[in-house]
Structures are given as structure tokens and as C-alpha cells.
């Protein structure tokens, strides 16, 4: 069953929720569109990594864990030119 979308005066379309769900994309994800020679489009969801995946990515086994108080003290010292 085809889904009809409307083109705005600016040449834009809005993909309906059911289309986005079918592509498996969420807010913040990207969509790849290939222009095919016969005037058709091929659309694929380009899902990003969840934001939670960045936690711990800079952690090194040799680096000790710091408390929020220690981080605040280090930041204050840096701003005061003491570091």
C-alpha cells in the first residue's frame, strides 16, 4: 500500500511516523537517500549509536576514577590559573 507525502512550497516533505518506524530511525538519526536512474528513490535508515554508548569511552585503565568534588576543584584551579 503506497504512502502519499505532500511536497511543501520549499520543496520539502515530512516522513510520517509509520515510515520512520519502518526505517528504524529515531530523532537524531540520519537517513540515506539514493537517486535511482528511473526516477525512483532508495531510502535507508542510518541509525546512530545511542548516546549512552559514549559513557566511559575516554576511560583508560591507568587513569584513576575522580569524584565530582575532585573534578570541580581541578576545574576551579584551572580557571584560577593554578593548574
C-alpha atoms as a PDB file:
ATOM      1  CA  UNK A   1       0.000   0.000   0.000  1.00  0.00           C
ATOM      2  CA  UNK A   2       1.705   3.233  -1.095  1.00  0.00           C
ATOM      3  CA  UNK A   3       2.057   6.165   1.284  1.00  0.00           C
ATOM      4  CA  UNK A   4       1.484   9.587  -0.257  1.00  0.00           C
ATOM      5  CA  UNK A   5       3.523  12.531   1.018  1.00  0.00           C
ATOM      6  CA  UNK A   6       2.971  16.199   0.213  1.00  0.00           C
ATOM      7  CA  UNK A   7       5.738  18.475  -1.100  1.00  0.00           C
ATOM      8  CA  UNK A   8       5.778  21.934   0.504  1.00  0.00           C
ATOM      9  CA  UNK A   9       6.410  25.216  -1.329  1.00  0.00           C
ATOM     10  CA  UNK A  10      10.044  24.938  -0.158  1.00  0.00           C
ATOM     11  CA  UNK A  11      10.381  21.516  -1.816  1.00  0.00           C
ATOM     12  CA  UNK A  12      10.369  19.617   1.468  1.00  0.00           C
ATOM     13  CA  UNK A  13       8.491  16.535   2.600  1.00  0.00           C
ATOM     14  CA  UNK A  14       7.760  15.200   6.051  1.00  0.00           C
ATOM     15  CA  UNK A  15       8.097  11.466   6.526  1.00  0.00           C
ATOM     16  CA  UNK A  16       5.221  10.095   8.534  1.00  0.00           C
ATOM     17  CA  UNK A  17       5.776   8.255  11.796  1.00  0.00           C
ATOM     18  CA  UNK A  18       4.945   4.885  10.240  1.00  0.00           C
ATOM     19  CA  UNK A  19       7.660   5.436   7.581  1.00  0.00           C
ATOM     20  CA  UNK A  20      10.257   6.362  10.195  1.00  0.00           C
ATOM     21  CA  UNK A  21       9.325   3.336  12.283  1.00  0.00           C
ATOM     22  CA  UNK A  22       9.638   1.112   9.201  1.00  0.00           C
ATOM     23  CA  UNK A  23      13.126   2.516   8.568  1.00  0.00           C
ATOM     24  CA  UNK A  24      14.016   2.008  12.231  1.00  0.00           C
ATOM     25  CA  UNK A  25      15.111   5.613  12.743  1.00  0.00           C
ATOM     26  CA  UNK A  26      14.570   7.870  15.729  1.00  0.00           C
ATOM     27  CA  UNK A  27      15.077  11.595  16.319  1.00  0.00           C
ATOM     28  CA  UNK A  28      18.723  12.479  15.696  1.00  0.00           C
ATOM     29  CA  UNK A  29      19.333   9.554  13.316  1.00  0.00           C
ATOM     30  CA  UNK A  30      20.199  10.126   9.672  1.00  0.00           C
ATOM     31  CA  UNK A  31      18.557   8.811   6.503  1.00  0.00           C
ATOM     32  CA  UNK A  32      20.449   7.914   3.329  1.00  0.00           C
ATOM     33  CA  UNK A  33      18.672   8.555   0.020  1.00  0.00           C
ATOM     34  CA  UNK A  34      19.959   7.156  -3.271  1.00  0.00           C
ATOM     35  CA  UNK A  35      18.640   8.667  -6.510  1.00  0.00           C
ATOM     36  CA  UNK A  36      17.972   5.842  -8.979  1.00  0.00           C
ATOM     37  CA  UNK A  37      18.131   6.341 -12.741  1.00  0.00           C
ATOM     38  CA  UNK A  38      14.458   5.568 -13.327  1.00  0.00           C
ATOM     39  CA  UNK A  39      13.262   8.486 -11.156  1.00  0.00           C
ATOM     40  CA  UNK A  40      12.823   6.414  -8.014  1.00  0.00           C
ATOM     41  CA  UNK A  41      14.469   6.826  -4.632  1.00  0.00           C
ATOM     42  CA  UNK A  42      16.019   4.239  -2.381  1.00  0.00           C
ATOM     43  CA  UNK A  43      15.740   5.264   1.279  1.00  0.00           C
ATOM     44  CA  UNK A  44      17.638   3.603   4.127  1.00  0.00           C
ATOM     45  CA  UNK A  45      17.772   4.471   7.783  1.00  0.00           C
ATOM     46  CA  UNK A  46      21.253   5.244   9.037  1.00  0.00           C
ATOM     47  CA  UNK A  47      20.797   4.645  12.740  1.00  0.00           C
ATOM     48  CA  UNK A  48      23.264   6.302  15.064  1.00  0.00           C
ATOM     49  CA  UNK A  49      24.684   4.906  18.250  1.00  0.00           C
ATOM     50  CA  UNK A  50      22.698   5.549  21.414  1.00  0.00           C
ATOM     51  CA  UNK A  51      24.005   8.421  23.480  1.00  0.00           C
ATOM     52  CA  UNK A  52      24.722   6.021  26.350  1.00  0.00           C
ATOM     53  CA  UNK A  53      27.466   4.429  24.240  1.00  0.00           C
ATOM     54  CA  UNK A  54      29.760   7.427  24.799  1.00  0.00           C
ATOM     55  CA  UNK A  55      29.986   6.933  28.563  1.00  0.00           C
ATOM     56  CA  UNK A  56      33.389   5.571  29.501  1.00  0.00           C
ATOM     57  CA  UNK A  57      34.853   5.849  26.003  1.00  0.00           C
ATOM     58  CA  UNK A  58      37.759   8.007  27.223  1.00  0.00           C
ATOM     59  CA  UNK A  59      38.449   5.934  30.318  1.00  0.00           C
ATOM     60  CA  UNK A  60      41.895   4.431  30.491  1.00  0.00           C
ATOM     61  CA  UNK A  61      42.792   1.621  32.901  1.00  0.00           C
ATOM     62  CA  UNK A  62      45.785   3.709  34.079  1.00  0.00           C
ATOM     63  CA  UNK A  63      43.601   6.734  34.934  1.00  0.00           C
ATOM     64  CA  UNK A  64      42.100   6.713  38.453  1.00  0.00           C
ATOM     65  CA  UNK A  65      38.416   7.495  38.876  1.00  0.00           C
ATOM     66  CA  UNK A  66      37.746  11.001  40.246  1.00  0.00           C
ATOM     67  CA  UNK A  67      34.789  12.190  42.295  1.00  0.00           C
ATOM     68  CA  UNK A  68      32.671  15.129  41.182  1.00  0.00           C
ATOM     69  CA  UNK A  69      34.199  17.183  44.010  1.00  0.00           C
ATOM     70  CA  UNK A  70      37.726  16.447  42.723  1.00  0.00           C
ATOM     71  CA  UNK A  71      36.683  17.394  39.200  1.00  0.00           C
ATOM     72  CA  UNK A  72      35.140  20.661  40.433  1.00  0.00           C
ATOM     73  CA  UNK A  73      38.306  21.502  42.393  1.00  0.00           C
ATOM     74  CA  UNK A  74      40.502  20.802  39.353  1.00  0.00           C
ATOM     75  CA  UNK A  75      38.256  22.959  37.138  1.00  0.00           C
ATOM     76  CA  UNK A  76      38.293  25.822  39.665  1.00  0.00           C
ATOM     77  CA  UNK A  77      42.079  25.632  39.930  1.00  0.00           C
ATOM     78  CA  UNK A  78      42.394  25.684  36.162  1.00  0.00           C
ATOM     79  CA  UNK A  79      40.173  28.768  35.860  1.00  0.00           C
ATOM     80  CA  UNK A  80      42.159  30.468  38.628  1.00  0.00           C
ATOM     81  CA  UNK A  81      45.403  29.763  36.750  1.00  0.00           C
ATOM     82  CA  UNK A  82      46.706  27.459  39.445  1.00  0.00           C
ATOM     83  CA  UNK A  83      46.975  24.340  37.291  1.00  0.00           C
END
